[in-house]
N, C-alpha and C. Protein backbone atom coordinates (compact mmCIF):
# COMPACT_ATOMS: atom_id res chain seq x y z
N MET A 1 -50.36 6.63 -34.61
CA MET A 1 -51.36 5.59 -34.60
C MET A 1 -52.40 5.89 -35.66
N GLY A 2 -52.67 4.97 -36.55
CA GLY A 2 -53.65 5.16 -37.60
C GLY A 2 -55.01 4.65 -37.21
N ILE A 3 -55.99 5.11 -37.92
CA ILE A 3 -57.36 4.65 -37.71
C ILE A 3 -57.79 3.93 -38.97
N ASN A 4 -58.27 2.70 -38.81
CA ASN A 4 -58.79 1.95 -39.94
C ASN A 4 -60.30 2.11 -39.96
N SER A 5 -60.85 2.44 -41.11
CA SER A 5 -62.28 2.64 -41.20
C SER A 5 -62.79 2.15 -42.54
N ILE A 6 -63.69 1.19 -42.50
CA ILE A 6 -64.34 0.75 -43.73
C ILE A 6 -65.84 0.99 -43.66
N ASP A 7 -66.33 1.41 -42.52
CA ASP A 7 -67.77 1.59 -42.35
C ASP A 7 -68.20 3.04 -42.26
N ASN A 8 -67.30 3.97 -42.48
CA ASN A 8 -67.63 5.39 -42.37
C ASN A 8 -67.52 6.06 -43.72
N ILE A 9 -68.21 7.19 -43.85
CA ILE A 9 -68.16 7.97 -45.09
C ILE A 9 -67.50 9.30 -44.81
N TYR A 10 -66.55 9.66 -45.66
CA TYR A 10 -65.85 10.92 -45.56
C TYR A 10 -65.84 11.59 -46.92
N VAL A 11 -65.68 12.89 -46.95
CA VAL A 11 -65.53 13.62 -48.20
C VAL A 11 -64.05 13.98 -48.35
N GLY A 12 -63.44 13.51 -49.41
CA GLY A 12 -62.04 13.84 -49.71
C GLY A 12 -61.98 14.43 -51.11
N GLN A 13 -62.06 15.75 -51.20
CA GLN A 13 -62.19 16.38 -52.51
C GLN A 13 -60.95 16.24 -53.38
N ASN A 14 -59.81 15.88 -52.80
CA ASN A 14 -58.59 15.80 -53.60
C ASN A 14 -58.23 14.36 -53.98
N LEU A 15 -59.22 13.47 -54.01
CA LEU A 15 -58.99 12.10 -54.46
C LEU A 15 -58.74 12.11 -55.97
N PRO A 16 -57.62 11.54 -56.43
CA PRO A 16 -57.34 11.51 -57.87
C PRO A 16 -58.44 10.78 -58.65
N GLU A 17 -58.73 11.26 -59.85
CA GLU A 17 -59.80 10.69 -60.68
C GLU A 17 -59.66 9.19 -60.89
N ALA A 18 -58.43 8.69 -61.00
CA ALA A 18 -58.21 7.26 -61.25
C ALA A 18 -58.77 6.38 -60.13
N TYR A 19 -59.00 6.95 -58.96
CA TYR A 19 -59.51 6.18 -57.84
C TYR A 19 -60.99 6.41 -57.59
N LYS A 20 -61.64 7.26 -58.37
CA LYS A 20 -63.07 7.55 -58.22
C LYS A 20 -63.88 6.56 -59.04
N VAL A 21 -63.76 5.29 -58.69
CA VAL A 21 -64.43 4.21 -59.40
C VAL A 21 -65.25 3.43 -58.40
N VAL A 22 -66.55 3.31 -58.67
CA VAL A 22 -67.42 2.56 -57.77
C VAL A 22 -66.93 1.13 -57.65
N GLY A 23 -66.77 0.66 -56.43
CA GLY A 23 -66.34 -0.70 -56.18
C GLY A 23 -64.83 -0.87 -56.07
N LYS A 24 -64.05 0.15 -56.46
CA LYS A 24 -62.59 0.05 -56.36
C LYS A 24 -62.21 0.12 -54.89
N LYS A 25 -61.38 -0.79 -54.46
CA LYS A 25 -60.93 -0.81 -53.06
C LYS A 25 -59.59 -0.10 -52.97
N ILE A 26 -59.52 0.88 -52.08
CA ILE A 26 -58.31 1.68 -51.95
C ILE A 26 -57.94 1.86 -50.49
N ASN A 27 -56.69 2.16 -50.27
CA ASN A 27 -56.19 2.56 -48.96
C ASN A 27 -55.82 4.03 -49.07
N VAL A 28 -56.20 4.81 -48.08
CA VAL A 28 -55.85 6.23 -48.10
C VAL A 28 -55.28 6.64 -46.75
N SER A 29 -54.36 7.57 -46.79
CA SER A 29 -53.87 8.23 -45.58
C SER A 29 -54.45 9.63 -45.63
N VAL A 30 -55.03 10.05 -44.51
CA VAL A 30 -55.72 11.34 -44.48
C VAL A 30 -55.36 12.13 -43.24
N ARG A 31 -55.71 13.40 -43.29
CA ARG A 31 -55.65 14.26 -42.12
C ARG A 31 -56.88 15.15 -42.17
N GLY A 32 -57.19 15.78 -41.08
CA GLY A 32 -58.30 16.72 -41.07
C GLY A 32 -57.97 17.92 -41.95
N VAL A 33 -59.02 18.59 -42.43
CA VAL A 33 -58.78 19.78 -43.25
C VAL A 33 -58.27 20.93 -42.39
N ASN A 34 -57.52 21.80 -43.00
CA ASN A 34 -56.96 22.96 -42.31
C ASN A 34 -57.96 24.11 -42.46
N PRO A 35 -58.60 24.54 -41.38
CA PRO A 35 -59.60 25.61 -41.49
C PRO A 35 -59.01 26.94 -41.91
N ASN A 36 -57.69 27.08 -41.88
CA ASN A 36 -57.05 28.32 -42.31
C ASN A 36 -56.65 28.31 -43.78
N ASN A 37 -56.92 27.20 -44.47
CA ASN A 37 -56.57 27.07 -45.88
C ASN A 37 -57.86 27.03 -46.70
N GLU A 38 -58.15 28.11 -47.41
CA GLU A 38 -59.40 28.21 -48.17
C GLU A 38 -59.55 27.12 -49.23
N ASP A 39 -58.43 26.58 -49.74
CA ASP A 39 -58.50 25.52 -50.75
C ASP A 39 -59.01 24.21 -50.17
N GLU A 40 -58.97 24.05 -48.86
CA GLU A 40 -59.39 22.79 -48.24
C GLU A 40 -60.78 22.87 -47.63
N ILE A 41 -61.38 24.03 -47.59
CA ILE A 41 -62.69 24.19 -46.96
C ILE A 41 -63.77 24.09 -48.02
N GLN A 42 -64.77 23.25 -47.77
CA GLN A 42 -65.91 23.11 -48.66
C GLN A 42 -67.15 23.71 -48.01
N PRO A 43 -67.96 24.40 -48.78
CA PRO A 43 -69.18 24.96 -48.21
C PRO A 43 -70.19 23.86 -47.88
N CYS A 44 -71.01 24.11 -46.91
CA CYS A 44 -72.08 23.19 -46.54
C CYS A 44 -73.23 23.39 -47.52
N THR A 45 -73.66 22.33 -48.18
CA THR A 45 -74.75 22.46 -49.14
C THR A 45 -76.11 22.23 -48.49
N THR A 46 -76.13 21.62 -47.34
CA THR A 46 -77.36 21.26 -46.60
C THR A 46 -78.35 20.49 -47.46
N LEU A 47 -77.85 19.79 -48.48
CA LEU A 47 -78.72 19.00 -49.34
C LEU A 47 -78.75 17.53 -48.94
N GLY A 48 -78.11 17.18 -47.88
CA GLY A 48 -78.09 15.78 -47.47
C GLY A 48 -77.37 15.66 -46.15
N PRO A 49 -77.03 14.44 -45.79
CA PRO A 49 -76.34 14.24 -44.51
C PRO A 49 -74.97 14.90 -44.52
N GLY A 50 -74.51 15.31 -43.38
CA GLY A 50 -73.18 15.91 -43.28
C GLY A 50 -72.13 14.84 -43.11
N TYR A 51 -71.10 14.90 -43.90
CA TYR A 51 -69.99 13.96 -43.81
C TYR A 51 -68.74 14.72 -43.42
N ALA A 52 -67.89 14.08 -42.65
CA ALA A 52 -66.63 14.70 -42.26
C ALA A 52 -65.75 14.90 -43.48
N HIS A 53 -65.10 16.05 -43.57
CA HIS A 53 -64.17 16.33 -44.67
C HIS A 53 -62.76 15.99 -44.21
N VAL A 54 -62.00 15.36 -45.11
CA VAL A 54 -60.61 15.01 -44.84
C VAL A 54 -59.77 15.43 -46.03
N PHE A 55 -58.47 15.61 -45.80
CA PHE A 55 -57.51 15.93 -46.85
C PHE A 55 -56.70 14.67 -47.10
N ILE A 56 -56.69 14.18 -48.33
CA ILE A 56 -56.00 12.93 -48.66
C ILE A 56 -54.51 13.21 -48.85
N LEU A 57 -53.71 12.47 -48.10
CA LEU A 57 -52.25 12.59 -48.18
C LEU A 57 -51.67 11.62 -49.21
N SER A 58 -52.18 10.39 -49.23
CA SER A 58 -51.72 9.39 -50.20
C SER A 58 -52.82 8.37 -50.42
N VAL A 59 -52.76 7.71 -51.57
CA VAL A 59 -53.76 6.69 -51.91
C VAL A 59 -53.10 5.59 -52.72
N SER A 60 -53.55 4.35 -52.49
CA SER A 60 -53.06 3.22 -53.27
C SER A 60 -54.20 2.22 -53.43
N GLU A 61 -54.13 1.44 -54.50
CA GLU A 61 -55.16 0.44 -54.75
C GLU A 61 -54.94 -0.77 -53.86
N ARG A 62 -56.03 -1.33 -53.37
CA ARG A 62 -55.98 -2.54 -52.55
C ARG A 62 -56.30 -3.74 -53.41
N ASN A 63 -55.71 -4.87 -53.11
CA ASN A 63 -56.02 -6.11 -53.86
C ASN A 63 -57.22 -6.80 -53.28
């Protein structure tokens, strides 16, 4: 069962550069980060609000 979310903010550090465009509408499949994988863990900067971190499995452009 998938979760559809357009009103939430998540951090997905592995989003391909081609999709990092303000206003671009995309669909992504994600999973939670693996706390045992150092490549997926991001340090807390405490410089702003905390956002949930996710690992992007796939991404496609939406029309």
